[in-house]
Amino acid sequence: MIERVVLIKLTDAEANAVGRQKVVSHARRVLPTIPGVLSLSIGTPLDAESAKSWDVSIIVRLTEPSDVARFKDDPDRRAFMEQFLAPRMSFMKAWNFEIGEPTVA
């Protein structure tokens, strides 16, 4: 399984509770519909210290490494990124991890 971790810093005008919620709501509408997406987790900063660095986290789970390229090239995802998110975003970092099955302690 592949986990794509995306951290987003919004523009100063959007880096607030309302701006973050717009991104969260739109991502929840668009990203789960993209073929290959197994699950989606979206978060916002828990505390002021976290909010200094990031405004939104998105974790997308995909089945196979080849799904990453398909996910990134999907027209709906590209529209989300280019038309919706880009005007609201200062910068973004994304990483892909191959993960095993969850372990319960």
N, C-alpha and C. Protein backbone atom coordinates (compact mmCIF):
# COMPACT_ATOMS: atom_id res chain seq x y z
N MET A 1 0.84 -1.16 0.00
CA MET A 1 0.00 0.00 0.00
C MET A 1 0.89 1.23 0.00
N ILE A 2 0.42 2.29 -0.64
CA ILE A 2 1.17 3.54 -0.75
C ILE A 2 0.42 4.62 0.04
N GLU A 3 1.20 5.40 0.76
CA GLU A 3 0.63 6.53 1.50
C GLU A 3 1.29 7.79 0.96
N ARG A 4 0.50 8.68 0.41
CA ARG A 4 0.98 9.96 -0.09
C ARG A 4 0.66 11.01 0.97
N VAL A 5 1.70 11.62 1.52
CA VAL A 5 1.55 12.61 2.59
C VAL A 5 1.80 13.99 1.99
N VAL A 6 0.81 14.86 2.12
CA VAL A 6 0.90 16.21 1.56
C VAL A 6 0.69 17.21 2.68
N LEU A 7 1.60 18.16 2.81
CA LEU A 7 1.48 19.24 3.79
C LEU A 7 1.39 20.55 3.03
N ILE A 8 0.43 21.38 3.42
CA ILE A 8 0.12 22.60 2.68
C ILE A 8 0.21 23.81 3.60
N LYS A 9 0.89 24.84 3.14
CA LYS A 9 0.92 26.13 3.81
C LYS A 9 0.11 27.09 2.94
N LEU A 10 -0.92 27.66 3.51
CA LEU A 10 -1.79 28.58 2.78
C LEU A 10 -1.22 29.99 2.80
N THR A 11 -1.75 30.83 1.92
CA THR A 11 -1.37 32.24 1.91
C THR A 11 -1.81 32.87 3.22
N ASP A 12 -1.25 34.02 3.55
CA ASP A 12 -1.63 34.71 4.79
C ASP A 12 -3.13 34.97 4.85
N ALA A 13 -3.73 35.31 3.72
CA ALA A 13 -5.17 35.60 3.69
C ALA A 13 -6.03 34.36 3.96
N GLU A 14 -5.51 33.18 3.65
CA GLU A 14 -6.27 31.93 3.80
C GLU A 14 -5.87 31.12 5.03
N ALA A 15 -4.78 31.50 5.69
CA ALA A 15 -4.25 30.73 6.83
C ALA A 15 -5.02 31.05 8.10
N ASN A 16 -6.29 30.68 8.10
CA ASN A 16 -7.17 30.86 9.25
C ASN A 16 -8.20 29.74 9.23
N ALA A 17 -9.03 29.68 10.24
CA ALA A 17 -10.00 28.57 10.36
C ALA A 17 -10.92 28.49 9.15
N VAL A 18 -11.39 29.61 8.65
CA VAL A 18 -12.31 29.61 7.50
C VAL A 18 -11.59 29.13 6.24
N GLY A 19 -10.40 29.66 5.99
CA GLY A 19 -9.63 29.25 4.82
C GLY A 19 -9.26 27.78 4.84
N ARG A 20 -8.85 27.31 6.01
CA ARG A 20 -8.50 25.89 6.13
C ARG A 20 -9.72 25.02 5.86
N GLN A 21 -10.87 25.42 6.41
CA GLN A 21 -12.08 24.62 6.23
C GLN A 21 -12.51 24.57 4.77
N LYS A 22 -12.31 25.65 4.03
CA LYS A 22 -12.62 25.63 2.59
C LYS A 22 -11.79 24.56 1.88
N VAL A 23 -10.51 24.51 2.20
CA VAL A 23 -9.63 23.52 1.57
C VAL A 23 -10.04 22.11 1.97
N VAL A 24 -10.28 21.90 3.26
CA VAL A 24 -10.69 20.59 3.76
C VAL A 24 -11.98 20.13 3.07
N SER A 25 -12.98 20.99 3.02
CA SER A 25 -14.27 20.63 2.42
C SER A 25 -14.13 20.28 0.94
N HIS A 26 -13.39 21.10 0.23
CA HIS A 26 -13.23 20.86 -1.21
C HIS A 26 -12.44 19.58 -1.45
N ALA A 27 -11.38 19.36 -0.69
CA ALA A 27 -10.59 18.14 -0.83
C ALA A 27 -11.44 16.91 -0.55
N ARG A 28 -12.29 16.98 0.46
CA ARG A 28 -13.15 15.83 0.81
C ARG A 28 -14.17 15.54 -0.28
N ARG A 29 -14.55 16.55 -1.05
CA ARG A 29 -15.49 16.33 -2.15
C ARG A 29 -14.79 15.73 -3.38
N VAL A 30 -13.58 16.20 -3.66
CA VAL A 30 -12.91 15.84 -4.92
C VAL A 30 -12.03 14.60 -4.81
N LEU A 31 -11.13 14.58 -3.86
CA LEU A 31 -10.08 13.56 -3.85
C LEU A 31 -10.57 12.12 -3.69
N PRO A 32 -11.61 11.84 -2.87
CA PRO A 32 -12.04 10.43 -2.76
C PRO A 32 -12.63 9.86 -4.04
N THR A 33 -13.03 10.72 -4.97
CA THR A 33 -13.65 10.24 -6.22
C THR A 33 -12.62 9.84 -7.27
N ILE A 34 -11.36 10.11 -7.02
CA ILE A 34 -10.32 9.82 -7.99
C ILE A 34 -10.02 8.31 -7.98
N PRO A 35 -10.01 7.69 -9.15
CA PRO A 35 -9.74 6.25 -9.21
C PRO A 35 -8.42 5.89 -8.54
N GLY A 36 -8.45 4.81 -7.78
CA GLY A 36 -7.27 4.32 -7.09
C GLY A 36 -7.15 4.76 -5.65
N VAL A 37 -7.93 5.76 -5.25
CA VAL A 37 -7.86 6.24 -3.87
C VAL A 37 -8.60 5.25 -2.96
N LEU A 38 -7.86 4.67 -2.02
CA LEU A 38 -8.45 3.73 -1.06
C LEU A 38 -9.04 4.46 0.14
N SER A 39 -8.31 5.47 0.62
CA SER A 39 -8.80 6.25 1.76
C SER A 39 -8.12 7.61 1.75
N LEU A 40 -8.72 8.50 2.53
CA LEU A 40 -8.26 9.88 2.59
C LEU A 40 -8.39 10.37 4.02
N SER A 41 -7.32 10.99 4.53
CA SER A 41 -7.36 11.63 5.85
C SER A 41 -6.92 13.07 5.66
N ILE A 42 -7.66 13.98 6.23
CA ILE A 42 -7.33 15.40 6.11
C ILE A 42 -7.33 16.00 7.50
N GLY A 43 -6.31 16.80 7.79
CA GLY A 43 -6.20 17.40 9.11
C GLY A 43 -5.83 18.87 9.04
N THR A 44 -6.07 19.55 10.15
CA THR A 44 -5.67 20.93 10.34
C THR A 44 -4.86 21.01 11.63
N PRO A 45 -4.10 22.07 11.83
CA PRO A 45 -3.21 22.14 12.99
C PRO A 45 -3.96 22.04 14.32
N LEU A 46 -3.37 21.30 15.21
CA LEU A 46 -3.94 21.13 16.55
C LEU A 46 -3.62 22.32 17.44
N ASP A 47 -2.47 22.94 17.18
CA ASP A 47 -2.05 24.03 18.07
C ASP A 47 -1.36 25.13 17.26
N ALA A 48 -1.14 26.26 17.91
CA ALA A 48 -0.54 27.42 17.24
C ALA A 48 0.86 27.13 16.72
N GLU A 49 1.62 26.34 17.44
CA GLU A 49 2.98 26.00 17.00
C GLU A 49 2.95 25.24 15.67
N SER A 50 2.03 24.29 15.54
CA SER A 50 1.90 23.54 14.28
C SER A 50 1.43 24.45 13.15
N ALA A 51 0.54 25.38 13.46
CA ALA A 51 -0.01 26.28 12.45
C ALA A 51 1.04 27.23 11.89
N LYS A 52 2.13 27.42 12.59
CA LYS A 52 3.21 28.27 12.06
C LYS A 52 3.81 27.66 10.80
N SER A 53 3.82 26.34 10.72
CA SER A 53 4.47 25.67 9.60
C SER A 53 3.49 25.19 8.53
N TRP A 54 2.35 24.64 8.95
CA TRP A 54 1.42 24.01 8.01
C TRP A 54 -0.02 24.35 8.36
N ASP A 55 -0.88 24.37 7.33
CA ASP A 55 -2.30 24.66 7.53
C ASP A 55 -3.19 23.46 7.30
N VAL A 56 -2.81 22.59 6.38
CA VAL A 56 -3.63 21.42 6.06
C VAL A 56 -2.70 20.24 5.76
N SER A 57 -3.07 19.07 6.28
CA SER A 57 -2.38 17.83 5.90
C SER A 57 -3.38 16.94 5.18
N ILE A 58 -2.91 16.29 4.15
CA ILE A 58 -3.73 15.35 3.39
C ILE A 58 -2.93 14.06 3.26
N ILE A 59 -3.54 12.97 3.66
CA ILE A 59 -2.92 11.65 3.49
C ILE A 59 -3.84 10.82 2.61
N VAL A 60 -3.30 10.41 1.48
CA VAL A 60 -4.06 9.61 0.52
C VAL A 60 -3.45 8.22 0.49
N ARG A 61 -4.26 7.22 0.61
CA ARG A 61 -3.79 5.84 0.50
C ARG A 61 -4.18 5.29 -0.87
N LEU A 62 -3.17 4.70 -1.51
CA LEU A 62 -3.32 4.11 -2.83
C LEU A 62 -2.83 2.67 -2.77
N THR A 63 -3.19 1.87 -3.74
CA THR A 63 -2.84 0.46 -3.71
C THR A 63 -1.39 0.20 -4.08
N GLU A 64 -0.94 0.74 -5.21
CA GLU A 64 0.37 0.38 -5.75
C GLU A 64 1.17 1.63 -6.13
N PRO A 65 2.50 1.49 -6.23
CA PRO A 65 3.32 2.63 -6.62
C PRO A 65 2.88 3.28 -7.94
N SER A 66 2.43 2.49 -8.89
CA SER A 66 1.99 3.05 -10.17
C SER A 66 0.75 3.93 -10.02
N ASP A 67 0.01 3.75 -8.93
CA ASP A 67 -1.18 4.58 -8.70
C ASP A 67 -0.82 6.03 -8.42
N VAL A 68 0.40 6.30 -7.94
CA VAL A 68 0.80 7.66 -7.62
C VAL A 68 0.77 8.53 -8.87
N ALA A 69 1.37 8.07 -9.95
CA ALA A 69 1.40 8.85 -11.19
C ALA A 69 -0.01 9.06 -11.73
N ARG A 70 -0.83 8.02 -11.68
CA ARG A 70 -2.22 8.15 -12.15
C ARG A 70 -2.98 9.15 -11.30
N PHE A 71 -2.78 9.09 -9.99
CA PHE A 71 -3.42 10.04 -9.08
C PHE A 71 -3.00 11.47 -9.41
N LYS A 72 -1.70 11.69 -9.57
CA LYS A 72 -1.20 13.04 -9.84
C LYS A 72 -1.67 13.56 -11.19
N ASP A 73 -1.86 12.68 -12.17
CA ASP A 73 -2.27 13.08 -13.51
C ASP A 73 -3.78 13.15 -13.70
N ASP A 74 -4.55 12.70 -12.72
CA ASP A 74 -6.01 12.68 -12.86
C ASP A 74 -6.52 14.11 -13.10
N PRO A 75 -7.41 14.29 -14.08
CA PRO A 75 -7.91 15.64 -14.40
C PRO A 75 -8.63 16.32 -13.22
N ASP A 76 -9.37 15.57 -12.43
CA ASP A 76 -10.07 16.17 -11.29
C ASP A 76 -9.08 16.62 -10.21
N ARG A 77 -8.05 15.83 -10.00
CA ARG A 77 -7.02 16.21 -9.02
C ARG A 77 -6.24 17.42 -9.51
N ARG A 78 -5.91 17.42 -10.81
CA ARG A 78 -5.19 18.57 -11.38
C ARG A 78 -6.03 19.84 -11.27
N ALA A 79 -7.31 19.75 -11.53
CA ALA A 79 -8.19 20.92 -11.40
C ALA A 79 -8.24 21.39 -9.95
N PHE A 80 -8.33 20.45 -9.01
CA PHE A 80 -8.32 20.81 -7.59
C PHE A 80 -7.04 21.56 -7.27
N MET A 81 -5.90 21.03 -7.71
CA MET A 81 -4.61 21.65 -7.40
C MET A 81 -4.43 23.00 -8.11
N GLU A 82 -4.68 23.03 -9.40
CA GLU A 82 -4.36 24.21 -10.20
C GLU A 82 -5.39 25.32 -10.08
N GLN A 83 -6.66 24.97 -10.07
CA GLN A 83 -7.70 26.00 -10.08
C GLN A 83 -8.16 26.39 -8.68
N PHE A 84 -8.25 25.41 -7.77
CA PHE A 84 -8.74 25.71 -6.43
C PHE A 84 -7.61 26.00 -5.45
N LEU A 85 -6.67 25.09 -5.32
CA LEU A 85 -5.67 25.19 -4.26
C LEU A 85 -4.56 26.19 -4.57
N ALA A 86 -4.03 26.20 -5.77
CA ALA A 86 -2.88 27.05 -6.10
C ALA A 86 -3.08 28.53 -5.72
N PRO A 87 -4.24 29.13 -5.98
CA PRO A 87 -4.40 30.54 -5.61
C PRO A 87 -4.43 30.78 -4.09
N ARG A 88 -4.68 29.74 -3.31
CA ARG A 88 -4.79 29.85 -1.85
C ARG A 88 -3.52 29.41 -1.12
N MET A 89 -2.55 28.88 -1.86
CA MET A 89 -1.43 28.18 -1.26
C MET A 89 -0.12 28.96 -1.42
N SER A 90 0.68 28.99 -0.34
CA SER A 90 2.03 29.55 -0.43
C SER A 90 3.01 28.49 -0.92
N PHE A 91 2.95 27.30 -0.31
CA PHE A 91 3.79 26.19 -0.75
C PHE A 91 3.23 24.88 -0.23
N MET A 92 3.79 23.80 -0.79
CA MET A 92 3.32 22.46 -0.47
C MET A 92 4.50 21.51 -0.53
N LYS A 93 4.49 20.51 0.31
CA LYS A 93 5.47 19.43 0.27
C LYS A 93 4.69 18.12 0.19
N ALA A 94 5.20 17.17 -0.59
CA ALA A 94 4.53 15.88 -0.72
C ALA A 94 5.57 14.77 -0.77
N TRP A 95 5.25 13.67 -0.10
CA TRP A 95 6.11 12.49 -0.07
C TRP A 95 5.26 11.25 -0.25
N ASN A 96 5.86 10.21 -0.80
CA ASN A 96 5.18 8.92 -0.99
C ASN A 96 5.92 7.86 -0.19
N PHE A 97 5.15 7.05 0.54
CA PHE A 97 5.72 5.99 1.36
C PHE A 97 5.04 4.67 1.05
N GLU A 98 5.83 3.62 1.01
CA GLU A 98 5.26 2.28 0.92
C GLU A 98 5.08 1.80 2.36
N ILE A 99 3.87 1.39 2.68
CA ILE A 99 3.58 1.01 4.06
C ILE A 99 3.04 -0.42 4.10
N GLY A 100 3.18 -1.04 5.25
CA GLY A 100 2.63 -2.37 5.48
C GLY A 100 1.26 -2.24 6.13
N GLU A 101 0.76 -3.34 6.55
CA GLU A 101 -0.52 -3.36 7.24
C GLU A 101 -0.39 -2.68 8.61
N PRO A 102 -1.44 -2.00 9.06
CA PRO A 102 -1.38 -1.36 10.37
C PRO A 102 -1.12 -2.36 11.50
N THR A 103 -0.34 -1.93 12.46
CA THR A 103 -0.05 -2.75 13.62
C THR A 103 -0.79 -2.18 14.82
N VAL A 104 -1.47 -3.04 15.54
CA VAL A 104 -2.17 -2.61 16.74
C VAL A 104 -1.31 -2.98 17.94
N ALA A 105 -1.06 -2.00 18.78
CA ALA A 105 -0.21 -2.24 19.96
C ALA A 105 -1.01 -2.84 21.09
